[in-house]
């Protein structure tokens, strides 16, 4: 499934719904950590590049379909 264009704010809130917590923010990048040890770093841009977001989600072992289902419109 194709990722929609999302703002950094939408990505941040969706990851929070998936159990991630923000641990650091420097410049335009946000680092988040899950209680099971998974980590993700993504650019806080508007919009976030789909290719970059998909790579970050894959690195953090986040299922893309699960991520899409947790997006609030």
PDB file of N, CA and C in Angstrom:
ATOM      1  N   UNK A   1       0.837  -1.175   0.000  1.00  0.00           N
ATOM      2  CA  UNK A   1       0.000   0.000   0.000  1.00  0.00           C
ATOM      3  C   UNK A   1       0.886   1.243   0.000  1.00  0.00           C
ATOM      4  N   UNK A   2       0.463   2.260  -0.721  1.00  0.00           N
ATOM      5  CA  UNK A   2       1.244   3.481  -0.852  1.00  0.00           C
ATOM      6  C   UNK A   2       0.998   4.411   0.331  1.00  0.00           C
ATOM      7  N   UNK A   3       2.083   4.969   0.853  1.00  0.00           N
ATOM      8  CA  UNK A   3       1.967   5.919   1.961  1.00  0.00           C
ATOM      9  C   UNK A   3       1.394   7.242   1.461  1.00  0.00           C
ATOM     10  N   UNK A   4       0.485   7.847   2.211  1.00  0.00           N
ATOM     11  CA  UNK A   4      -0.002   9.173   1.836  1.00  0.00           C
ATOM     12  C   UNK A   4       1.033  10.242   2.200  1.00  0.00           C
ATOM     13  N   UNK A   5       0.899  11.427   1.631  1.00  0.00           N
ATOM     14  CA  UNK A   5       1.760  12.541   2.021  1.00  0.00           C
ATOM     15  C   UNK A   5       1.330  13.009   3.402  1.00  0.00           C
ATOM     16  N   UNK A   6       2.260  13.034   4.332  1.00  0.00           N
ATOM     17  CA  UNK A   6       1.964  13.407   5.716  1.00  0.00           C
ATOM     18  C   UNK A   6       2.914  14.499   6.175  1.00  0.00           C
ATOM     19  N   UNK A   7       2.437  15.299   7.104  1.00  0.00           N
ATOM     20  CA  UNK A   7       3.310  16.293   7.733  1.00  0.00           C
ATOM     21  C   UNK A   7       4.090  15.602   8.854  1.00  0.00           C
ATOM     22  N   UNK A   8       5.133  16.257   9.324  1.00  0.00           N
ATOM     23  CA  UNK A   8       5.908  15.733  10.442  1.00  0.00           C
ATOM     24  C   UNK A   8       5.044  15.553  11.675  1.00  0.00           C
ATOM     25  N   UNK A   9       4.111  16.481  11.870  1.00  0.00           N
ATOM     26  CA  UNK A   9       3.203  16.406  13.021  1.00  0.00           C
ATOM     27  C   UNK A   9       2.317  15.164  12.945  1.00  0.00           C
ATOM     28  N   UNK A  10       1.820  14.833  11.745  1.00  0.00           N
ATOM     29  CA  UNK A  10       0.983  13.642  11.577  1.00  0.00           C
ATOM     30  C   UNK A  10       1.793  12.363  11.814  1.00  0.00           C
ATOM     31  N   UNK A  11       3.025  12.327  11.330  1.00  0.00           N
ATOM     32  CA  UNK A  11       3.879  11.156  11.538  1.00  0.00           C
ATOM     33  C   UNK A  11       4.159  10.980  13.024  1.00  0.00           C
ATOM     34  N   UNK A  12       4.489  12.075  13.704  1.00  0.00           N
ATOM     35  CA  UNK A  12       4.774  12.031  15.137  1.00  0.00           C
ATOM     36  C   UNK A  12       3.582  11.492  15.921  1.00  0.00           C
ATOM     37  N   UNK A  13       2.389  12.003  15.659  1.00  0.00           N
ATOM     38  CA  UNK A  13       1.206  11.561  16.410  1.00  0.00           C
ATOM     39  C   UNK A  13       0.846  10.112  16.088  1.00  0.00           C
ATOM     40  N   UNK A  14       1.042   9.693  14.837  1.00  0.00           N
ATOM     41  CA  UNK A  14       0.752   8.298  14.473  1.00  0.00           C
ATOM     42  C   UNK A  14       1.713   7.349  15.181  1.00  0.00           C
ATOM     43  N   UNK A  15       2.982   7.700  15.227  1.00  0.00           N
ATOM     44  CA  UNK A  15       3.951   6.858  15.926  1.00  0.00           C
ATOM     45  C   UNK A  15       3.669   6.807  17.422  1.00  0.00           C
ATOM     46  N   UNK A  16       3.197   7.897  18.000  1.00  0.00           N
ATOM     47  CA  UNK A  16       2.808   7.885  19.417  1.00  0.00           C
ATOM     48  C   UNK A  16       1.664   6.919  19.648  1.00  0.00           C
ATOM     49  N   UNK A  17       0.707   6.877  18.720  1.00  0.00           N
ATOM     50  CA  UNK A  17      -0.410   5.925  18.847  1.00  0.00           C
ATOM     51  C   UNK A  17       0.069   4.483  18.742  1.00  0.00           C
ATOM     52  N   UNK A  18       1.196   4.280  18.064  1.00  0.00           N
ATOM     53  CA  UNK A  18       1.768   2.940  17.928  1.00  0.00           C
ATOM     54  C   UNK A  18       2.689   2.572  19.095  1.00  0.00           C
ATOM     55  N   UNK A  19       2.832   3.467  20.078  1.00  0.00           N
ATOM     56  CA  UNK A  19       3.594   3.154  21.274  1.00  0.00           C
ATOM     57  C   UNK A  19       4.985   3.751  21.336  1.00  0.00           C
ATOM     58  N   UNK A  20       5.353   4.589  20.386  1.00  0.00           N
ATOM     59  CA  UNK A  20       6.664   5.228  20.403  1.00  0.00           C
ATOM     60  C   UNK A  20       6.600   6.502  21.235  1.00  0.00           C
ATOM     61  N   UNK A  21       7.740   6.849  21.848  1.00  0.00           N
ATOM     62  CA  UNK A  21       7.849   8.078  22.628  1.00  0.00           C
ATOM     63  C   UNK A  21       9.022   8.887  22.100  1.00  0.00           C
ATOM     64  N   UNK A  22       8.824  10.200  22.006  1.00  0.00           N
ATOM     65  CA  UNK A  22       9.890  11.076  21.535  1.00  0.00           C
ATOM     66  C   UNK A  22      10.984  11.146  22.592  1.00  0.00           C
ATOM     67  N   UNK A  23      12.233  10.936  22.162  1.00  0.00           N
ATOM     68  CA  UNK A  23      13.348  10.994  23.100  1.00  0.00           C
ATOM     69  C   UNK A  23      14.310  12.132  22.788  1.00  0.00           C
ATOM     70  N   UNK A  24      14.315  12.617  21.537  1.00  0.00           N
ATOM     71  CA  UNK A  24      15.260  13.669  21.179  1.00  0.00           C
ATOM     72  C   UNK A  24      14.798  14.354  19.900  1.00  0.00           C
ATOM     73  N   UNK A  25      15.082  15.656  19.842  1.00  0.00           N
ATOM     74  CA  UNK A  25      14.786  16.415  18.625  1.00  0.00           C
ATOM     75  C   UNK A  25      15.923  17.409  18.423  1.00  0.00           C
ATOM     76  N   UNK A  26      16.539  17.327  17.252  1.00  0.00           N
ATOM     77  CA  UNK A  26      17.621  18.253  16.941  1.00  0.00           C
ATOM     78  C   UNK A  26      17.437  18.706  15.498  1.00  0.00           C
ATOM     79  N   UNK A  27      17.342  19.999  15.317  1.00  0.00           N
ATOM     80  CA  UNK A  27      17.105  20.509  13.972  1.00  0.00           C
ATOM     81  C   UNK A  27      15.755  20.037  13.483  1.00  0.00           C
ATOM     82  N   UNK A  28      15.743  19.400  12.335  1.00  0.00           N
ATOM     83  CA  UNK A  28      14.477  18.936  11.780  1.00  0.00           C
ATOM     84  C   UNK A  28      14.291  17.431  11.922  1.00  0.00           C
ATOM     85  N   UNK A  29      15.077  16.773  12.758  1.00  0.00           N
ATOM     86  CA  UNK A  29      14.958  15.327  12.925  1.00  0.00           C
ATOM     87  C   UNK A  29      14.455  14.970  14.320  1.00  0.00           C
ATOM     88  N   UNK A  30      13.563  13.985  14.356  1.00  0.00           N
ATOM     89  CA  UNK A  30      12.975  13.512  15.600  1.00  0.00           C
ATOM     90  C   UNK A  30      13.393  12.060  15.817  1.00  0.00           C
ATOM     91  N   UNK A  31      13.858  11.753  17.030  1.00  0.00           N
ATOM     92  CA  UNK A  31      14.195  10.381  17.399  1.00  0.00           C
ATOM     93  C   UNK A  31      13.125   9.892  18.364  1.00  0.00           C
ATOM     94  N   UNK A  32      12.623   8.686  18.099  1.00  0.00           N
ATOM     95  CA  UNK A  32      11.602   8.100  18.968  1.00  0.00           C
ATOM     96  C   UNK A  32      12.015   6.675  19.318  1.00  0.00           C
ATOM     97  N   UNK A  33      11.542   6.214  20.475  1.00  0.00           N
ATOM     98  CA  UNK A  33      11.879   4.873  20.941  1.00  0.00           C
ATOM     99  C   UNK A  33      10.614   4.179  21.409  1.00  0.00           C
ATOM    100  N   UNK A  34      10.526   2.890  21.136  1.00  0.00           N
ATOM    101  CA  UNK A  34       9.408   2.051  21.576  1.00  0.00           C
ATOM    102  C   UNK A  34       9.842   1.309  22.833  1.00  0.00           C
ATOM    103  N   UNK A  35       8.892   0.941  23.670  1.00  0.00           N
ATOM    104  CA  UNK A  35       9.245   0.250  24.922  1.00  0.00           C
ATOM    105  C   UNK A  35       9.929  -1.091  24.692  1.00  0.00           C
ATOM    106  N   UNK A  36       9.753  -1.680  23.482  1.00  0.00           N
ATOM    107  CA  UNK A  36      10.419  -2.952  23.194  1.00  0.00           C
ATOM    108  C   UNK A  36      11.829  -2.767  22.611  1.00  0.00           C
ATOM    109  N   UNK A  37      12.297  -1.511  22.537  1.00  0.00           N
ATOM    110  CA  UNK A  37      13.660  -1.245  22.112  1.00  0.00           C
ATOM    111  C   UNK A  37      13.819  -0.741  20.686  1.00  0.00           C
ATOM    112  N   UNK A  38      12.754  -0.785  19.874  1.00  0.00           N
ATOM    113  CA  UNK A  38      12.849  -0.289  18.506  1.00  0.00           C
ATOM    114  C   UNK A  38      13.027   1.229  18.516  1.00  0.00           C
ATOM    115  N   UNK A  39      13.809   1.729  17.557  1.00  0.00           N
ATOM    116  CA  UNK A  39      14.059   3.166  17.451  1.00  0.00           C
ATOM    117  C   UNK A  39      13.740   3.624  16.035  1.00  0.00           C
ATOM    118  N   UNK A  40      13.327   4.877  15.909  1.00  0.00           N
ATOM    119  CA  UNK A  40      13.068   5.448  14.592  1.00  0.00           C
ATOM    120  C   UNK A  40      13.511   6.906  14.599  1.00  0.00           C
ATOM    121  N   UNK A  41      14.081   7.319  13.477  1.00  0.00           N
ATOM    122  CA  UNK A  41      14.468   8.715  13.263  1.00  0.00           C
ATOM    123  C   UNK A  41      13.819   9.140  11.951  1.00  0.00           C
ATOM    124  N   UNK A  42      13.149  10.290  11.962  1.00  0.00           N
ATOM    125  CA  UNK A  42      12.531  10.781  10.731  1.00  0.00           C
ATOM    126  C   UNK A  42      12.611  12.302  10.698  1.00  0.00           C
ATOM    127  N   UNK A  43      12.584  12.872   9.490  1.00  0.00           N
ATOM    128  CA  UNK A  43      12.639  14.327   9.365  1.00  0.00           C
ATOM    129  C   UNK A  43      11.275  14.939   9.672  1.00  0.00           C
ATOM    130  N   UNK A  44      11.273  15.989  10.450  1.00  0.00           N
ATOM    131  CA  UNK A  44      10.043  16.685  10.814  1.00  0.00           C
ATOM    132  C   UNK A  44       9.803  17.784   9.779  1.00  0.00           C
ATOM    133  N   UNK A  45       9.410  17.365   8.574  1.00  0.00           N
ATOM    134  CA  UNK A  45       9.177  18.273   7.458  1.00  0.00           C
ATOM    135  C   UNK A  45       7.693  18.319   7.132  1.00  0.00           C
ATOM    136  N   UNK A  46       7.336  19.238   6.255  1.00  0.00           N
ATOM    137  CA  UNK A  46       5.952  19.315   5.774  1.00  0.00           C
ATOM    138  C   UNK A  46       5.980  19.475   4.265  1.00  0.00           C
ATOM    139  N   UNK A  47       5.715  18.420   3.511  1.00  0.00           N
ATOM    140  CA  UNK A  47       5.440  17.049   3.938  1.00  0.00           C
ATOM    141  C   UNK A  47       6.735  16.234   4.105  1.00  0.00           C
ATOM    142  N   UNK A  48       6.598  15.097   4.787  1.00  0.00           N
ATOM    143  CA  UNK A  48       7.711  14.155   4.937  1.00  0.00           C
ATOM    144  C   UNK A  48       7.779  13.352   3.637  1.00  0.00           C
ATOM    145  N   UNK A  49       8.965  13.221   3.075  1.00  0.00           N
ATOM    146  CA  UNK A  49       9.148  12.454   1.846  1.00  0.00           C
ATOM    147  C   UNK A  49       8.721  11.002   2.062  1.00  0.00           C
ATOM    148  N   UNK A  50       7.899  10.492   1.167  1.00  0.00           N
ATOM    149  CA  UNK A  50       7.373   9.117   1.308  1.00  0.00           C
ATOM    150  C   UNK A  50       8.488   8.079   1.334  1.00  0.00           C
ATOM    151  N   UNK A  51       9.467   8.239   0.454  1.00  0.00           N
ATOM    152  CA  UNK A  51      10.566   7.272   0.366  1.00  0.00           C
ATOM    153  C   UNK A  51      11.360   7.245   1.671  1.00  0.00           C
ATOM    154  N   UNK A  52      11.633   8.415   2.226  1.00  0.00           N
ATOM    155  CA  UNK A  52      12.372   8.520   3.490  1.00  0.00           C
ATOM    156  C   UNK A  52      11.571   7.910   4.629  1.00  0.00           C
ATOM    157  N   UNK A  53      10.276   8.214   4.686  1.00  0.00           N
ATOM    158  CA  UNK A  53       9.424   7.671   5.745  1.00  0.00           C
ATOM    159  C   UNK A  53       9.329   6.158   5.658  1.00  0.00           C
ATOM    160  N   UNK A  54       9.179   5.629   4.442  1.00  0.00           N
ATOM    161  CA  UNK A  54       9.091   4.176   4.271  1.00  0.00           C
ATOM    162  C   UNK A  54      10.370   3.504   4.760  1.00  0.00           C
ATOM    163  N   UNK A  55      11.519   4.089   4.460  1.00  0.00           N
ATOM    164  CA  UNK A  55      12.795   3.541   4.926  1.00  0.00           C
ATOM    165  C   UNK A  55      12.909   3.574   6.437  1.00  0.00           C
ATOM    166  N   UNK A  56      12.472   4.677   7.040  1.00  0.00           N
ATOM    167  CA  UNK A  56      12.514   4.790   8.503  1.00  0.00           C
ATOM    168  C   UNK A  56      11.599   3.764   9.157  1.00  0.00           C
ATOM    169  N   UNK A  57      10.407   3.578   8.595  1.00  0.00           N
ATOM    170  CA  UNK A  57       9.466   2.594   9.144  1.00  0.00           C
ATOM    171  C   UNK A  57      10.022   1.185   9.020  1.00  0.00           C
ATOM    172  N   UNK A  58      10.646   0.872   7.887  1.00  0.00           N
ATOM    173  CA  UNK A  58      11.243  -0.457   7.705  1.00  0.00           C
ATOM    174  C   UNK A  58      12.386  -0.677   8.687  1.00  0.00           C
ATOM    175  N   UNK A  59      13.227   0.338   8.893  1.00  0.00           N
ATOM    176  CA  UNK A  59      14.344   0.220   9.837  1.00  0.00           C
ATOM    177  C   UNK A  59      13.845  -0.036  11.259  1.00  0.00           C
ATOM    178  N   UNK A  60      12.694   0.554  11.609  1.00  0.00           N
ATOM    179  CA  UNK A  60      12.137   0.398  12.957  1.00  0.00           C
ATOM    180  C   UNK A  60      11.192  -0.799  13.051  1.00  0.00           C
ATOM    181  N   UNK A  61      11.101  -1.581  11.980  1.00  0.00           N
ATOM    182  CA  UNK A  61      10.235  -2.766  11.935  1.00  0.00           C
ATOM    183  C   UNK A  61       8.773  -2.426  12.229  1.00  0.00           C
ATOM    184  N   UNK A  62       8.307  -1.309  11.671  1.00  0.00           N
ATOM    185  CA  UNK A  62       6.909  -0.904  11.798  1.00  0.00           C
ATOM    186  C   UNK A  62       6.206  -1.326  10.518  1.00  0.00           C
ATOM    187  N   UNK A  63       5.131  -2.111  10.645  1.00  0.00           N
ATOM    188  CA  UNK A  63       4.369  -2.547   9.486  1.00  0.00           C
ATOM    189  C   UNK A  63       3.695  -1.333   8.848  1.00  0.00           C
ATOM    190  N   UNK A  64       3.900  -1.161   7.548  1.00  0.00           N
ATOM    191  CA  UNK A  64       3.371   0.011   6.852  1.00  0.00           C
ATOM    192  C   UNK A  64       1.848   0.031   6.865  1.00  0.00           C
ATOM    193  N   UNK A  65       1.219  -1.111   6.684  1.00  0.00           N
ATOM    194  CA  UNK A  65      -0.252  -1.160   6.717  1.00  0.00           C
ATOM    195  C   UNK A  65      -0.779  -0.799   8.107  1.00  0.00           C
ATOM    196  N   UNK A  66      -0.106  -1.257   9.147  1.00  0.00           N
ATOM    197  CA  UNK A  66      -0.490  -0.915  10.521  1.00  0.00           C
ATOM    198  C   UNK A  66      -0.333   0.586  10.749  1.00  0.00           C
ATOM    199  N   UNK A  67       0.760   1.152  10.238  1.00  0.00           N
ATOM    200  CA  UNK A  67       0.999   2.594  10.362  1.00  0.00           C
ATOM    201  C   UNK A  67      -0.131   3.375   9.678  1.00  0.00           C
ATOM    202  N   UNK A  68      -0.495   2.972   8.471  1.00  0.00           N
ATOM    203  CA  UNK A  68      -1.542   3.655   7.707  1.00  0.00           C
ATOM    204  C   UNK A  68      -2.888   3.595   8.433  1.00  0.00           C
ATOM    205  N   UNK A  69      -3.177   2.468   9.072  1.00  0.00           N
ATOM    206  CA  UNK A  69      -4.446   2.325   9.797  1.00  0.00           C
ATOM    207  C   UNK A  69      -4.525   3.237  11.012  1.00  0.00           C
ATOM    208  N   UNK A  70      -3.395   3.633  11.585  1.00  0.00           N
ATOM    209  CA  UNK A  70      -3.378   4.474  12.786  1.00  0.00           C
ATOM    210  C   UNK A  70      -3.305   5.982  12.497  1.00  0.00           C
ATOM    211  N   UNK A  71      -3.289   6.343  11.207  1.00  0.00           N
ATOM    212  CA  UNK A  71      -3.252   7.758  10.829  1.00  0.00           C
ATOM    213  C   UNK A  71      -4.633   8.347  11.060  1.00  0.00           C
ATOM    214  N   UNK A  72      -4.693   9.475  11.777  1.00  0.00           N
ATOM    215  CA  UNK A  72      -5.952  10.207  11.938  1.00  0.00           C
ATOM    216  C   UNK A  72      -6.007  11.292  10.883  1.00  0.00           C
ATOM    217  N   UNK A  73      -7.122  11.380  10.230  1.00  0.00           N
ATOM    218  CA  UNK A  73      -7.254  12.374   9.156  1.00  0.00           C
ATOM    219  C   UNK A  73      -7.847  13.650   9.652  1.00  0.00           C
TER     220      UNK A  73
END
